[in-house]
Amino acid sequence: MNVKIYHNPRCSKSRQTLQLLQDKGLDIEIIEYLKTPPSTSELDDILEKLNMEPRELMRKSEAEYKEYGLDNSNLDRQALIDGMVANPKLIERPIVLANDKAAIGRPPENVLTIL
C-alpha cells in the first residue's frame, strides 16, 4: 500500500502521525509541504477526498490568512485553493493519503481509518 503524508517536521501532530505510520511498517512518501506545496489540482483532489471545502482545511489563526485577504467571504473555491498553494503554511496538517482516501492526523489516530 502506498501512503503519502503532507508533513511538517516542526509540528508535533505531524511527527506523531508519521511515527504511527512508520510503526505500521508502511511504505510512506513524505512530502514536506512547506518546501513542496501541492499543486492546485492536487489540493482540489485532497479536498474532494476529505469531503471538505477549502476554508475548512485552512489554518485561520495564521497571520497570512488575513494578511492575504483570504478571510474575504466573497472568495470562491478556486481563489481559496490558490491562496493555500501560494501560502502552504495555511494548510492544516498533517494530511495522509492512502487507498484513494484522505485523512487529517488530528488526532494522529484519525489516519488509521483510511489504511
C-alpha atoms as a PDB file:
ATOM      1  CA  MET A   1       0.000   0.000   0.000  1.00  0.00           C
ATOM      2  CA  ASN A   2       1.302   3.428  -0.929  1.00  0.00           C
ATOM      3  CA  VAL A   3       0.860   6.072   1.732  1.00  0.00           C
ATOM      4  CA  LYS A   4       1.597   9.755   1.265  1.00  0.00           C
ATOM      5  CA  ILE A   5       1.899  12.246   4.117  1.00  0.00           C
ATOM      6  CA  TYR A   6       1.953  16.014   3.740  1.00  0.00           C
ATOM      7  CA  HIS A   7       4.268  16.602   6.653  1.00  0.00           C
ATOM      8  CA  ASN A   8       5.711  19.479   8.655  1.00  0.00           C
ATOM      9  CA  PRO A   9       8.586  18.184  10.794  1.00  0.00           C
ATOM     10  CA  ARG A  10       8.191  21.146  13.174  1.00  0.00           C
ATOM     11  CA  CYS A  11       4.615  20.123  14.043  1.00  0.00           C
ATOM     12  CA  SER A  12       4.196  17.635  16.890  1.00  0.00           C
ATOM     13  CA  LYS A  13       0.945  16.177  15.484  1.00  0.00           C
ATOM     14  CA  SER A  14       2.632  15.694  12.131  1.00  0.00           C
ATOM     15  CA  ARG A  15       5.600  13.938  13.760  1.00  0.00           C
ATOM     16  CA  GLN A  16       3.277  11.736  15.819  1.00  0.00           C
ATOM     17  CA  THR A  17       1.252  10.813  12.736  1.00  0.00           C
ATOM     18  CA  LEU A  18       4.383   9.961  10.763  1.00  0.00           C
ATOM     19  CA  GLN A  19       5.630   7.791  13.635  1.00  0.00           C
ATOM     20  CA  LEU A  20       2.290   5.993  13.789  1.00  0.00           C
ATOM     21  CA  LEU A  21       2.553   5.202  10.064  1.00  0.00           C
ATOM     22  CA  GLN A  22       6.177   4.108  10.388  1.00  0.00           C
ATOM     23  CA  ASP A  23       5.263   1.834  13.298  1.00  0.00           C
ATOM     24  CA  LYS A  24       2.816   0.091  10.943  1.00  0.00           C
ATOM     25  CA  GLY A  25       5.736  -0.690   8.602  1.00  0.00           C
ATOM     26  CA  LEU A  26       4.139   1.143   5.685  1.00  0.00           C
ATOM     27  CA  ASP A  27       5.868   2.414   2.556  1.00  0.00           C
ATOM     28  CA  ILE A  28       5.500   6.163   3.122  1.00  0.00           C
ATOM     29  CA  GLU A  29       6.114   9.019   0.710  1.00  0.00           C
ATOM     30  CA  ILE A  30       6.922  12.034   2.880  1.00  0.00           C
ATOM     31  CA  ILE A  31       6.192  15.423   1.364  1.00  0.00           C
ATOM     32  CA  GLU A  32       7.375  18.409   3.345  1.00  0.00           C
ATOM     33  CA  TYR A  33       4.585  20.565   2.008  1.00  0.00           C
ATOM     34  CA  LEU A  34       6.130  23.859   3.140  1.00  0.00           C
ATOM     35  CA  LYS A  35       9.044  23.150   0.771  1.00  0.00           C
ATOM     36  CA  THR A  36       6.977  21.348  -1.891  1.00  0.00           C
ATOM     37  CA  PRO A  37       3.359  22.503  -1.721  1.00  0.00           C
ATOM     38  CA  PRO A  38       0.665  20.545  -3.517  1.00  0.00           C
ATOM     39  CA  SER A  39      -0.451  21.905  -6.887  1.00  0.00           C
ATOM     40  CA  THR A  40      -3.896  23.429  -7.224  1.00  0.00           C
ATOM     41  CA  SER A  41      -5.207  20.212  -8.795  1.00  0.00           C
ATOM     42  CA  GLU A  42      -3.600  18.059  -6.073  1.00  0.00           C
ATOM     43  CA  LEU A  43      -5.105  20.235  -3.346  1.00  0.00           C
ATOM     44  CA  ASP A  44      -8.502  20.167  -5.052  1.00  0.00           C
ATOM     45  CA  ASP A  45      -8.282  16.355  -5.167  1.00  0.00           C
ATOM     46  CA  ILE A  46      -7.277  16.219  -1.479  1.00  0.00           C
ATOM     47  CA  LEU A  47     -10.267  18.403  -0.557  1.00  0.00           C
ATOM     48  CA  GLU A  48     -12.593  16.102  -2.503  1.00  0.00           C
ATOM     49  CA  LYS A  49     -11.180  13.044  -0.706  1.00  0.00           C
ATOM     50  CA  LEU A  50     -11.566  14.790   2.653  1.00  0.00           C
ATOM     51  CA  ASN A  51     -15.091  15.893   1.703  1.00  0.00           C
ATOM     52  CA  MET A  52     -14.154  19.400   2.809  1.00  0.00           C
ATOM     53  CA  GLU A  53     -14.367  22.909   1.468  1.00  0.00           C
ATOM     54  CA  PRO A  54     -11.128  24.918   1.258  1.00  0.00           C
ATOM     55  CA  ARG A  55     -11.836  27.121   4.261  1.00  0.00           C
ATOM     56  CA  GLU A  56     -12.297  24.009   6.426  1.00  0.00           C
ATOM     57  CA  LEU A  57      -8.706  22.977   5.648  1.00  0.00           C
ATOM     58  CA  MET A  58      -7.236  26.411   6.326  1.00  0.00           C
ATOM     59  CA  ARG A  59      -5.359  27.441   9.431  1.00  0.00           C
ATOM     60  CA  LYS A  60      -7.327  30.632  10.020  1.00  0.00           C
ATOM     61  CA  SER A  61      -5.257  31.643  13.044  1.00  0.00           C
ATOM     62  CA  GLU A  62      -2.166  32.208  10.878  1.00  0.00           C
ATOM     63  CA  ALA A  63      -1.415  35.879  10.151  1.00  0.00           C
ATOM     64  CA  GLU A  64      -1.286  35.168   6.405  1.00  0.00           C
ATOM     65  CA  TYR A  65      -4.969  34.256   6.412  1.00  0.00           C
ATOM     66  CA  LYS A  66      -5.993  37.876   6.966  1.00  0.00           C
ATOM     67  CA  GLU A  67      -2.839  39.418   5.517  1.00  0.00           C
ATOM     68  CA  TYR A  68      -3.599  37.997   2.059  1.00  0.00           C
ATOM     69  CA  GLY A  69      -7.331  38.689   2.286  1.00  0.00           C
ATOM     70  CA  LEU A  70      -8.301  35.027   2.487  1.00  0.00           C
ATOM     71  CA  ASP A  71     -10.834  35.913   5.189  1.00  0.00           C
ATOM     72  CA  ASN A  72     -12.915  37.609   2.470  1.00  0.00           C
ATOM     73  CA  SER A  73     -16.201  35.674   2.372  1.00  0.00           C
ATOM     74  CA  ASN A  74     -16.659  36.541  -1.324  1.00  0.00           C
ATOM     75  CA  LEU A  75     -13.690  34.437  -2.436  1.00  0.00           C
ATOM     76  CA  ASP A  76     -14.638  31.351  -4.413  1.00  0.00           C
ATOM     77  CA  ARG A  77     -13.276  27.824  -4.038  1.00  0.00           C
ATOM     78  CA  GLN A  78     -10.526  28.301  -6.626  1.00  0.00           C
ATOM     79  CA  ALA A  79      -9.290  31.548  -5.054  1.00  0.00           C
ATOM     80  CA  LEU A  80      -9.032  29.849  -1.650  1.00  0.00           C
ATOM     81  CA  ILE A  81      -7.194  26.853  -3.110  1.00  0.00           C
ATOM     82  CA  ASP A  82      -4.819  29.208  -4.927  1.00  0.00           C
ATOM     83  CA  GLY A  83      -4.273  31.037  -1.632  1.00  0.00           C
ATOM     84  CA  MET A  84      -3.290  27.821   0.139  1.00  0.00           C
ATOM     85  CA  VAL A  85      -0.942  26.761  -2.659  1.00  0.00           C
ATOM     86  CA  ALA A  86       0.740  30.179  -2.564  1.00  0.00           C
ATOM     87  CA  ASN A  87       0.866  30.095   1.256  1.00  0.00           C
ATOM     88  CA  PRO A  88       1.192  26.417   2.243  1.00  0.00           C
ATOM     89  CA  LYS A  89       1.597  27.408   5.897  1.00  0.00           C
ATOM     90  CA  LEU A  90      -2.193  27.869   5.822  1.00  0.00           C
ATOM     91  CA  ILE A  91      -2.862  24.191   5.043  1.00  0.00           C
ATOM     92  CA  GLU A  92      -3.918  22.128   8.055  1.00  0.00           C
ATOM     93  CA  ARG A  93      -1.518  19.288   8.749  1.00  0.00           C
ATOM     94  CA  PRO A  94      -0.727  16.518   8.548  1.00  0.00           C
ATOM     95  CA  ILE A  95      -2.719  15.138   5.637  1.00  0.00           C
ATOM     96  CA  VAL A  96      -2.381  11.439   4.835  1.00  0.00           C
ATOM     97  CA  LEU A  97      -3.451   9.839   1.557  1.00  0.00           C
ATOM     98  CA  ALA A  98      -3.949   6.079   1.233  1.00  0.00           C
ATOM     99  CA  ASN A  99      -6.323   3.749  -0.599  1.00  0.00           C
ATOM    100  CA  ASP A 100      -7.692   6.675  -2.661  1.00  0.00           C
ATOM    101  CA  LYS A 101      -8.825   8.328   0.591  1.00  0.00           C
ATOM    102  CA  ALA A 102      -7.523  11.156   2.759  1.00  0.00           C
ATOM    103  CA  ALA A 103      -7.487  11.965   6.472  1.00  0.00           C
ATOM    104  CA  ILE A 104      -6.102  14.693   8.691  1.00  0.00           C
ATOM    105  CA  GLY A 105      -3.915  13.452  11.538  1.00  0.00           C
ATOM    106  CA  ARG A 106      -5.595  15.484  14.270  1.00  0.00           C
ATOM    107  CA  PRO A 107      -5.502  13.405  16.361  1.00  0.00           C
ATOM    108  CA  PRO A 108      -2.928  11.146  14.699  1.00  0.00           C
ATOM    109  CA  GLU A 109      -5.153   8.074  15.108  1.00  0.00           C
ATOM    110  CA  ASN A 110      -7.619   9.592  12.587  1.00  0.00           C
ATOM    111  CA  VAL A 111      -5.417   8.311   9.758  1.00  0.00           C
ATOM    112  CA  LEU A 112      -5.959   4.690  10.788  1.00  0.00           C
ATOM    113  CA  THR A 113      -9.458   4.856   9.305  1.00  0.00           C
ATOM    114  CA  ILE A 114      -8.089   5.045   5.743  1.00  0.00           C
ATOM    115  CA  LEU A 115      -5.427   2.329   5.999  1.00  0.00           C
END
